[in-house]
Amino acid sequence: MNGEDRTDMPYRTSNPANMRSLPPDRSIVLTEQRNPRTMNLHRMSVGDIVETINHEDSLVTDALARARRSLTAFIEAAEPGFRAGGRLVYIGAGTSGRLGVLDASECPPTFQVDAGRVVGIIAGGDAALRRSSEGREDDPSGARPDLDALKLNRNDTVLGIAAGGTTPYVLGGVACARETAPEILTGLLVCSPMACPPGVDHLIVIETGPEVVAGSTRMKAGTATKLALNTISTALMIRSGKVYQNLMVDLAATNDKLRDRAARIISTLTGLGRQDSFSLLERAQGKVKTAILMHERGMSSERADAILKECGGRLDRALEGQGDDDG
């Protein structure tokens, strides 16, 4: 039998046109490059590996410091719309998507903000939170159904999250959002230097450098992304009156841990003892700001609620007497 007639040759191709097209070359992306400080990982002891990873992680805070201006500009631009009732919408795939969903899911219990105010959209949907669905990140139209369901408006902010800055799902999602609602604010958070894509109002670059394991952006890039999202959402919540001094006065006391924290906050701000703080919290129906205002202004829970509403939920203004026609 002539070898040229064999049909079981694994690498024989009679029609090169049927081959899948090659993916884009991402070797220029900083997070894909090799780290010169970790070239001998396979020879390291456990102690050396831990020390090396710790050192690389220590560089993340410097990267965030260099991005301070762009983070500040993005938050300042998002604040008016968010305070007017708009939403903060994260779009990401893989680790970036999971971090966006994580930050969104932690805002309601921490700040008693409605679940729909901070939204995380991830390639592959909720199933991708537990099981990787990396193939979905190549679809630039993948986020469109979720974005369409949100019915974006002028007060909303959409932030794409992509460590390398090349993810089609994310870039396409931000473009789709701008197409759907041209007046919204858009941003892109990346960990590798790049030019600002069309349709992106704010590019936030947190240059974390090559990873310990080349391309493993769940490491430094993931850590930097988590810290940046913490900063963005927390700053917006503080500016929206969800924090007084450095206390989460808008928390929902839904379990024993949070009831204990709520009582301690009341005690700290009013000087009441622990038992009296719990009693006041109960009379305020579990609302910390209401309880504090009741005690400090000597009023009923109904009146305290009304004044807080008039003050946009801001405890500082309510304590100063704003919103009180009688005060």
Protein backbone atom coordinates (compact mmCIF):
# COMPACT_ATOMS: atom_id res chain seq x y z
CA MET A 1 0.00 0.00 0.00
CA ASN A 2 1.41 3.37 -0.99
CA GLY A 3 1.98 5.60 2.05
CA GLU A 4 0.51 8.53 0.18
CA ASP A 5 -2.85 6.72 0.03
CA ARG A 6 -3.16 6.21 3.79
CA THR A 7 -6.19 7.88 5.40
CA ASP A 8 -5.11 7.48 9.03
CA MET A 9 -2.17 9.88 8.96
CA PRO A 10 -2.91 12.33 11.80
CA TYR A 11 -1.23 15.39 10.30
CA ARG A 12 -2.24 15.00 6.68
CA THR A 13 -4.25 17.90 5.29
CA SER A 14 -5.65 17.78 1.82
CA ASN A 15 -7.60 21.04 2.15
CA PRO A 16 -5.75 23.69 4.16
CA ALA A 17 -8.69 26.07 3.66
CA ASN A 18 -10.69 23.96 6.14
CA MET A 19 -8.24 24.63 8.94
CA ARG A 20 -9.41 26.93 11.76
CA SER A 21 -8.02 30.43 11.48
CA LEU A 22 -5.18 31.22 13.83
CA PRO A 23 -6.07 33.25 16.94
CA PRO A 24 -4.62 36.76 17.35
CA ASP A 25 -1.02 36.88 18.57
CA ARG A 26 -1.20 38.19 22.16
CA SER A 27 2.53 37.99 22.85
CA ILE A 28 2.69 41.79 23.16
CA VAL A 29 0.22 41.75 26.07
CA LEU A 30 2.22 42.35 29.25
CA THR A 31 0.29 39.83 31.34
CA GLU A 32 1.12 37.11 28.78
CA GLN A 33 4.87 37.66 28.90
CA ARG A 34 7.40 35.75 30.98
CA ASN A 35 8.52 37.15 34.29
CA PRO A 36 12.34 37.23 34.47
CA ARG A 37 12.19 36.84 38.26
CA THR A 38 10.34 33.51 38.10
CA MET A 39 12.14 31.59 35.39
CA ASN A 40 13.17 28.77 37.76
CA LEU A 41 9.91 28.04 39.55
CA HIS A 42 10.20 24.32 38.87
CA ARG A 43 13.44 24.18 40.85
CA MET A 44 12.26 26.19 43.85
CA SER A 45 11.47 24.89 47.32
CA VAL A 46 8.05 25.58 48.78
CA GLY A 47 9.53 28.36 50.90
CA ASP A 48 11.11 30.00 47.87
CA ILE A 49 7.86 29.76 45.90
CA VAL A 50 5.94 31.42 48.73
CA GLU A 51 8.57 34.17 49.05
CA THR A 52 8.54 34.77 45.29
CA ILE A 53 4.76 35.00 45.07
CA ASN A 54 4.66 37.29 48.11
CA HIS A 55 7.21 39.60 46.51
CA GLU A 56 5.29 39.77 43.24
CA ASP A 57 2.04 40.45 45.11
CA SER A 58 3.72 43.35 46.93
CA LEU A 59 4.07 45.12 43.57
CA VAL A 60 0.29 45.32 43.14
CA THR A 61 -0.17 48.27 45.52
CA ASP A 62 2.39 50.31 43.58
CA ALA A 63 0.53 49.56 40.36
CA LEU A 64 -2.72 50.74 41.94
CA ALA A 65 -1.03 53.92 43.17
CA ARG A 66 0.07 54.70 39.62
CA ALA A 67 -3.55 54.27 38.48
CA ARG A 68 -4.95 56.57 41.18
CA ARG A 69 -5.74 59.45 38.82
CA SER A 70 -7.62 57.34 36.30
CA LEU A 71 -9.55 55.55 39.06
CA THR A 72 -10.47 58.88 40.63
CA ALA A 73 -11.59 60.35 37.30
CA PHE A 74 -13.79 57.33 36.57
CA ILE A 75 -15.45 57.37 40.00
CA GLU A 76 -16.03 61.13 39.86
CA ALA A 77 -17.66 60.75 36.45
CA ALA A 78 -19.86 57.84 37.62
CA GLU A 79 -20.97 59.49 40.88
CA PRO A 80 -23.70 61.84 39.59
CA GLY A 81 -25.51 59.11 37.67
CA PHE A 82 -25.18 56.59 40.48
CA ARG A 83 -26.49 59.03 43.09
CA ALA A 84 -29.41 59.75 40.75
CA GLY A 85 -30.37 56.07 40.87
CA GLY A 86 -28.23 54.73 38.05
CA ARG A 87 -26.49 51.38 38.03
CA LEU A 88 -22.89 50.25 37.98
CA VAL A 89 -22.60 47.36 35.51
CA TYR A 90 -19.51 45.15 35.28
CA ILE A 91 -18.80 43.05 32.17
CA GLY A 92 -16.11 40.37 32.30
CA ALA A 93 -15.07 36.85 31.38
CA GLY A 94 -13.19 34.24 33.38
CA THR A 95 -11.48 35.61 36.49
CA SER A 96 -12.40 39.19 35.58
CA GLY A 97 -16.06 38.26 35.25
CA ARG A 98 -16.09 36.35 38.53
CA LEU A 99 -14.54 39.30 40.36
CA GLY A 100 -17.17 41.63 38.92
CA VAL A 101 -19.98 39.33 40.03
CA LEU A 102 -18.36 38.98 43.47
CA ASP A 103 -18.16 42.73 44.00
CA ALA A 104 -21.74 43.20 42.81
CA SER A 105 -23.05 40.46 45.09
CA GLU A 106 -21.32 41.90 48.16
CA CYS A 107 -22.74 45.41 47.85
CA PRO A 108 -26.34 44.68 49.00
CA PRO A 109 -25.45 43.06 52.36
CA THR A 110 -22.70 45.57 53.07
CA PHE A 111 -24.48 48.77 52.12
CA GLN A 112 -28.17 47.76 51.95
CA VAL A 113 -28.29 48.90 48.34
CA ASP A 114 -30.82 47.25 46.03
CA ALA A 115 -29.40 44.17 44.32
CA GLY A 116 -29.98 45.70 40.89
CA ARG A 117 -27.82 48.77 41.54
CA VAL A 118 -24.49 46.98 41.04
CA VAL A 119 -24.66 44.28 38.38
CA GLY A 120 -22.10 41.70 37.32
CA ILE A 121 -22.36 40.18 33.81
CA ILE A 122 -20.07 37.23 33.10
CA ALA A 123 -19.45 35.28 29.90
CA GLY A 124 -21.25 31.96 30.24
CA GLY A 125 -23.71 33.23 32.86
CA ASP A 126 -23.94 32.07 36.47
CA ALA A 127 -22.71 28.58 35.56
CA ALA A 128 -19.32 30.13 34.72
CA LEU A 129 -18.87 31.14 38.36
CA ARG A 130 -18.13 27.53 39.26
CA ARG A 131 -17.14 25.89 35.98
CA SER A 132 -14.88 27.60 33.47
CA SER A 133 -16.51 28.51 30.16
CA GLU A 134 -13.59 30.30 28.56
CA GLY A 135 -14.85 29.63 25.03
CA ARG A 136 -17.66 32.12 25.61
CA GLU A 137 -15.21 34.99 25.92
CA ASP A 138 -14.54 34.97 22.17
CA ASP A 139 -18.08 36.10 21.33
CA PRO A 140 -18.19 39.90 20.97
CA SER A 141 -22.01 39.79 21.01
CA GLY A 142 -22.25 37.48 24.02
CA ALA A 143 -23.19 40.18 26.53
CA ARG A 144 -25.92 41.71 24.37
CA PRO A 145 -28.90 39.71 25.77
CA ASP A 146 -27.99 40.63 29.37
CA LEU A 147 -27.44 44.26 28.45
CA ASP A 148 -30.70 44.43 26.51
CA ALA A 149 -32.53 43.05 29.55
CA LEU A 150 -31.13 45.86 31.70
CA LYS A 151 -32.59 48.58 29.47
CA LEU A 152 -29.66 50.90 30.09
CA ASN A 153 -30.30 54.60 30.66
CA ARG A 154 -28.30 57.81 30.89
CA ASN A 155 -27.56 57.40 34.62
CA ASP A 156 -25.93 53.99 34.21
CA THR A 157 -22.20 53.26 34.11
CA VAL A 158 -20.74 50.23 32.32
CA LEU A 159 -17.24 49.02 33.20
CA GLY A 160 -15.57 46.33 31.13
CA ILE A 161 -12.96 44.24 32.97
CA ALA A 162 -10.25 42.45 30.96
CA ALA A 163 -6.78 41.86 32.38
CA GLY A 164 -5.08 41.79 28.97
CA GLY A 165 -7.49 44.25 27.38
CA THR A 166 -8.25 42.03 24.39
CA THR A 167 -11.26 39.92 25.41
CA PRO A 168 -13.86 40.12 22.59
CA TYR A 169 -16.78 39.47 24.99
CA VAL A 170 -15.79 42.47 27.10
CA LEU A 171 -14.85 44.88 24.32
CA GLY A 172 -17.95 43.90 22.38
CA GLY A 173 -20.09 44.28 25.49
CA VAL A 174 -18.89 47.82 26.15
CA ALA A 175 -19.45 48.71 22.48
CA CYS A 176 -22.94 47.20 22.64
CA ALA A 177 -23.76 49.21 25.75
CA ARG A 178 -22.67 52.43 24.08
CA GLU A 179 -24.67 51.53 20.98
CA THR A 180 -27.77 50.79 23.08
CA ALA A 181 -27.53 53.92 25.22
CA PRO A 182 -25.11 56.46 23.68
CA GLU A 183 -25.35 58.78 26.69
CA ILE A 184 -24.12 56.28 29.31
CA LEU A 185 -20.66 56.41 30.88
CA THR A 186 -18.27 53.63 29.87
CA GLY A 187 -14.96 52.45 31.25
CA LEU A 188 -12.43 49.67 30.70
CA LEU A 189 -10.25 48.24 33.48
CA VAL A 190 -7.10 46.45 32.27
CA CYS A 191 -3.73 45.36 33.62
CA SER A 192 -1.65 45.81 30.46
CA PRO A 193 -0.88 49.09 28.68
CA MET A 194 -3.03 49.73 25.61
CA ALA A 195 -4.68 52.47 23.60
CA CYS A 196 -8.17 53.52 24.65
CA PRO A 197 -10.68 51.66 22.43
CA PRO A 198 -13.41 53.59 20.60
CA GLY A 199 -16.52 54.12 22.72
CA VAL A 200 -14.65 53.92 26.05
CA ASP A 201 -14.76 57.13 28.08
CA HIS A 202 -12.30 56.06 30.78
CA LEU A 203 -9.40 53.65 30.40
CA ILE A 204 -8.02 52.45 33.74
CA VAL A 205 -4.64 50.72 33.41
CA ILE A 206 -3.26 48.93 36.46
CA GLU A 207 0.09 47.77 35.14
CA THR A 208 0.90 44.74 37.28
CA GLY A 209 3.53 43.32 34.92
CA PRO A 210 4.15 39.69 33.92
CA GLU A 211 2.63 37.09 36.21
CA VAL A 212 4.51 34.58 38.38
CA VAL A 213 3.21 31.93 35.97
CA ALA A 214 3.05 33.52 32.53
CA GLY A 215 -0.52 34.37 31.55
CA SER A 216 -2.08 33.34 34.89
CA THR A 217 -4.03 36.55 35.44
CA ARG A 218 -5.86 35.06 38.41
CA MET A 219 -2.73 36.12 40.33
CA LYS A 220 -1.43 39.73 40.35
CA ALA A 221 -3.89 41.00 37.78
CA GLY A 222 -6.76 39.36 39.65
CA THR A 223 -5.62 40.82 42.96
CA ALA A 224 -5.30 44.30 41.43
CA THR A 225 -8.73 43.98 39.82
CA LYS A 226 -10.35 42.99 43.13
CA LEU A 227 -8.77 45.95 44.88
CA ALA A 228 -9.82 48.35 42.10
CA LEU A 229 -13.42 47.14 42.15
CA ASN A 230 -13.46 47.44 45.95
CA THR A 231 -12.30 51.03 45.55
CA ILE A 232 -14.84 51.91 42.86
CA SER A 233 -17.94 50.46 44.52
CA THR A 234 -17.00 51.52 48.06
CA ALA A 235 -16.24 55.09 46.99
CA LEU A 236 -19.60 55.33 45.23
CA MET A 237 -21.37 53.98 48.32
CA ILE A 238 -19.58 56.43 50.62
CA ARG A 239 -20.47 59.33 48.34
CA SER A 240 -24.08 58.10 48.33
CA GLY A 241 -24.32 58.32 52.13
CA LYS A 242 -24.06 54.60 52.84
CA VAL A 243 -21.19 55.22 55.29
CA TYR A 244 -21.00 57.61 58.25
CA GLN A 245 -17.50 58.29 59.57
CA ASN A 246 -16.05 54.84 58.80
CA LEU A 247 -19.09 52.83 59.85
CA MET A 248 -21.48 50.93 57.55
CA VAL A 249 -24.59 52.56 58.95
CA ASP A 250 -26.75 51.29 56.09
CA LEU A 251 -26.18 47.58 56.70
CA ALA A 252 -29.08 45.13 56.86
CA ALA A 253 -29.08 43.29 60.19
CA THR A 254 -30.15 39.95 58.74
CA ASN A 255 -28.14 37.52 60.88
CA ASP A 256 -26.51 37.38 64.31
CA LYS A 257 -23.16 38.71 63.09
CA LEU A 258 -24.80 41.72 61.45
CA ARG A 259 -27.15 42.34 64.39
CA ASP A 260 -24.12 42.42 66.66
CA ARG A 261 -22.32 44.82 64.31
CA ALA A 262 -25.42 47.02 64.05
CA ALA A 263 -25.73 47.25 67.84
CA ARG A 264 -22.04 48.08 68.20
CA ILE A 265 -22.37 50.86 65.59
CA ILE A 266 -25.35 52.30 67.48
CA SER A 267 -23.46 52.07 70.76
CA THR A 268 -20.40 53.78 69.25
CA LEU A 269 -22.37 56.71 67.87
CA THR A 270 -24.87 57.17 70.73
CA GLY A 271 -22.98 56.05 73.83
CA LEU A 272 -25.73 53.58 74.73
CA GLY A 273 -24.89 50.25 76.36
CA ARG A 274 -25.14 46.98 74.45
CA GLN A 275 -28.62 45.97 75.68
CA ASP A 276 -30.08 49.44 75.11
CA SER A 277 -28.56 49.49 71.62
CA PHE A 278 -30.30 46.23 70.76
CA SER A 279 -33.58 47.58 72.12
CA LEU A 280 -33.25 50.74 70.06
CA LEU A 281 -32.38 48.68 66.95
CA GLU A 282 -35.55 46.64 67.45
CA ARG A 283 -37.71 49.76 67.78
CA ALA A 284 -36.12 51.04 64.58
CA GLN A 285 -37.06 47.77 62.82
CA GLY A 286 -33.42 46.83 62.31
CA LYS A 287 -32.43 50.12 60.60
CA VAL A 288 -29.21 51.51 62.04
CA LYS A 289 -29.51 55.07 60.69
CA THR A 290 -33.08 55.32 61.90
CA ALA A 291 -32.07 54.12 65.38
CA ILE A 292 -29.26 56.66 65.66
CA LEU A 293 -31.47 59.52 64.53
CA MET A 294 -34.24 58.46 66.93
CA HIS A 295 -31.84 58.65 69.85
CA GLU A 296 -29.91 61.76 68.86
CA ARG A 297 -32.95 63.83 67.84
CA GLY A 298 -35.48 62.33 70.29
CA MET A 299 -38.04 61.31 67.67
CA SER A 300 -40.14 58.37 66.57
CA SER A 301 -38.96 55.83 64.03
CA GLU A 302 -41.56 57.11 61.55
CA ARG A 303 -40.31 60.68 61.85
CA ALA A 304 -36.69 59.55 61.62
CA ASP A 305 -37.45 57.57 58.46
CA ALA A 306 -39.18 60.59 56.91
CA ILE A 307 -36.27 62.92 57.63
CA LEU A 308 -33.73 60.43 56.28
CA LYS A 309 -35.77 60.18 53.09
CA GLU A 310 -35.82 63.96 52.75
CA CYS A 311 -32.04 63.98 53.25
CA GLY A 312 -31.45 61.38 50.55
CA GLY A 313 -30.61 58.77 53.15
CA ARG A 314 -27.59 60.70 54.43
CA LEU A 315 -27.24 60.42 58.20
CA ASP A 316 -24.86 63.39 58.43
CA ARG A 317 -27.44 65.73 56.94
CA ALA A 318 -30.24 64.33 59.08
CA LEU A 319 -28.19 64.79 62.26
CA GLU A 320 -27.46 68.38 61.25
CA GLY A 321 -31.19 69.08 61.08
CA GLN A 322 -31.56 69.21 57.30
CA GLY A 323 -34.91 68.01 56.00
CA ASP A 324 -36.66 68.81 59.28
CA ASP A 325 -39.20 71.60 58.90
CA ASP A 326 -39.55 71.72 62.67
CA GLY A 327 -35.81 71.99 63.30
